[in-house]
């Protein structure tokens, strides 16, 4: 796998991933009473965190997007 996720992109993915994982369990919003959102948001957060850690996003590869600069 060739890295296609840059540093700023990784940071944003990690922060957003943590927020999405924690939000349904820490916030008591009526919107999050929906089971699809309550359990779906953490799954999306885990995917964002995983792509940040491995520096590879399959969707970016399909679309031909790269935020990682070769050094």
C-alpha atoms as a PDB file:
ATOM      1  CA  UNK A   1       0.000   0.000   0.000  1.00  0.00           C
ATOM      2  CA  UNK A   2       1.280   3.418  -0.927  1.00  0.00           C
ATOM      3  CA  UNK A   3       0.500   6.160   1.599  1.00  0.00           C
ATOM      4  CA  UNK A   4      -2.121   8.539   0.259  1.00  0.00           C
ATOM      5  CA  UNK A   5      -3.159  10.354   3.463  1.00  0.00           C
ATOM      6  CA  UNK A   6      -1.107  13.404   4.434  1.00  0.00           C
ATOM      7  CA  UNK A   7      -0.243  14.740   7.875  1.00  0.00           C
ATOM      8  CA  UNK A   8      -3.013  17.328   8.182  1.00  0.00           C
ATOM      9  CA  UNK A   9      -5.524  14.844   6.782  1.00  0.00           C
ATOM     10  CA  UNK A  10      -4.376  12.253   9.353  1.00  0.00           C
ATOM     11  CA  UNK A  11      -4.761  14.702  12.210  1.00  0.00           C
ATOM     12  CA  UNK A  12      -8.268  15.693  11.124  1.00  0.00           C
ATOM     13  CA  UNK A  13      -9.255  12.037  10.688  1.00  0.00           C
ATOM     14  CA  UNK A  14      -7.988  11.153  14.168  1.00  0.00           C
ATOM     15  CA  UNK A  15      -9.765  14.060  15.866  1.00  0.00           C
ATOM     16  CA  UNK A  16     -13.022  13.489  13.995  1.00  0.00           C
ATOM     17  CA  UNK A  17     -12.760   9.747  14.619  1.00  0.00           C
ATOM     18  CA  UNK A  18     -12.426  10.216  18.377  1.00  0.00           C
ATOM     19  CA  UNK A  19     -15.353  12.664  18.401  1.00  0.00           C
ATOM     20  CA  UNK A  20     -17.560  10.276  16.415  1.00  0.00           C
ATOM     21  CA  UNK A  21     -16.671   7.353  18.667  1.00  0.00           C
ATOM     22  CA  UNK A  22     -17.326   9.254  21.891  1.00  0.00           C
ATOM     23  CA  UNK A  23     -20.263  11.494  20.960  1.00  0.00           C
ATOM     24  CA  UNK A  24     -23.110   8.957  21.002  1.00  0.00           C
ATOM     25  CA  UNK A  25     -22.088   7.719  24.437  1.00  0.00           C
ATOM     26  CA  UNK A  26     -21.253  11.068  26.061  1.00  0.00           C
ATOM     27  CA  UNK A  27     -23.929  13.333  24.598  1.00  0.00           C
ATOM     28  CA  UNK A  28     -27.604  12.955  25.353  1.00  0.00           C
ATOM     29  CA  UNK A  29     -29.032  14.300  22.102  1.00  0.00           C
ATOM     30  CA  UNK A  30     -32.449  13.162  20.833  1.00  0.00           C
ATOM     31  CA  UNK A  31     -30.928  12.629  17.381  1.00  0.00           C
ATOM     32  CA  UNK A  32     -28.567  10.045  18.832  1.00  0.00           C
ATOM     33  CA  UNK A  33     -31.457   7.994  20.224  1.00  0.00           C
ATOM     34  CA  UNK A  34     -31.735   6.475  16.750  1.00  0.00           C
ATOM     35  CA  UNK A  35     -29.843   3.140  16.914  1.00  0.00           C
ATOM     36  CA  UNK A  36     -28.471   3.574  13.397  1.00  0.00           C
ATOM     37  CA  UNK A  37     -26.703   6.783  14.425  1.00  0.00           C
ATOM     38  CA  UNK A  38     -25.852   5.628  17.940  1.00  0.00           C
ATOM     39  CA  UNK A  39     -23.915   2.622  16.649  1.00  0.00           C
ATOM     40  CA  UNK A  40     -23.104   3.817  13.135  1.00  0.00           C
ATOM     41  CA  UNK A  41     -21.160   6.915  14.155  1.00  0.00           C
ATOM     42  CA  UNK A  42     -18.608   4.942  16.206  1.00  0.00           C
ATOM     43  CA  UNK A  43     -18.101   2.573  13.269  1.00  0.00           C
ATOM     44  CA  UNK A  44     -17.375   5.519  10.981  1.00  0.00           C
ATOM     45  CA  UNK A  45     -15.065   6.906  13.680  1.00  0.00           C
ATOM     46  CA  UNK A  46     -13.161   3.616  13.824  1.00  0.00           C
ATOM     47  CA  UNK A  47     -12.754   3.616  10.043  1.00  0.00           C
ATOM     48  CA  UNK A  48     -11.448   7.195  10.098  1.00  0.00           C
ATOM     49  CA  UNK A  49      -9.024   6.334  12.899  1.00  0.00           C
ATOM     50  CA  UNK A  50      -7.787   3.222  11.125  1.00  0.00           C
ATOM     51  CA  UNK A  51      -7.174   5.053   7.850  1.00  0.00           C
ATOM     52  CA  UNK A  52      -5.286   7.736   9.757  1.00  0.00           C
ATOM     53  CA  UNK A  53      -3.064   5.195  11.488  1.00  0.00           C
ATOM     54  CA  UNK A  54      -2.210   3.198   8.374  1.00  0.00           C
ATOM     55  CA  UNK A  55      -1.947   6.332   6.171  1.00  0.00           C
ATOM     56  CA  UNK A  56      -4.013   4.714   3.447  1.00  0.00           C
ATOM     57  CA  UNK A  57      -7.593   5.442   2.407  1.00  0.00           C
ATOM     58  CA  UNK A  58      -9.177   2.993  -0.050  1.00  0.00           C
ATOM     59  CA  UNK A  59     -11.697   5.616  -1.191  1.00  0.00           C
ATOM     60  CA  UNK A  60      -8.865   8.023  -1.986  1.00  0.00           C
ATOM     61  CA  UNK A  61      -7.184   5.243  -4.004  1.00  0.00           C
ATOM     62  CA  UNK A  62     -10.363   4.648  -6.023  1.00  0.00           C
ATOM     63  CA  UNK A  63     -10.849   8.362  -6.678  1.00  0.00           C
ATOM     64  CA  UNK A  64      -7.156   9.008  -7.356  1.00  0.00           C
ATOM     65  CA  UNK A  65      -6.803  11.513  -4.512  1.00  0.00           C
ATOM     66  CA  UNK A  66      -3.540  11.937  -2.592  1.00  0.00           C
ATOM     67  CA  UNK A  67      -2.943  14.343   0.282  1.00  0.00           C
ATOM     68  CA  UNK A  68       0.406  12.751   1.131  1.00  0.00           C
ATOM     69  CA  UNK A  69       3.442  14.449  -0.362  1.00  0.00           C
ATOM     70  CA  UNK A  70       6.362  12.296  -1.408  1.00  0.00           C
ATOM     71  CA  UNK A  71       9.534  13.257   0.415  1.00  0.00           C
END
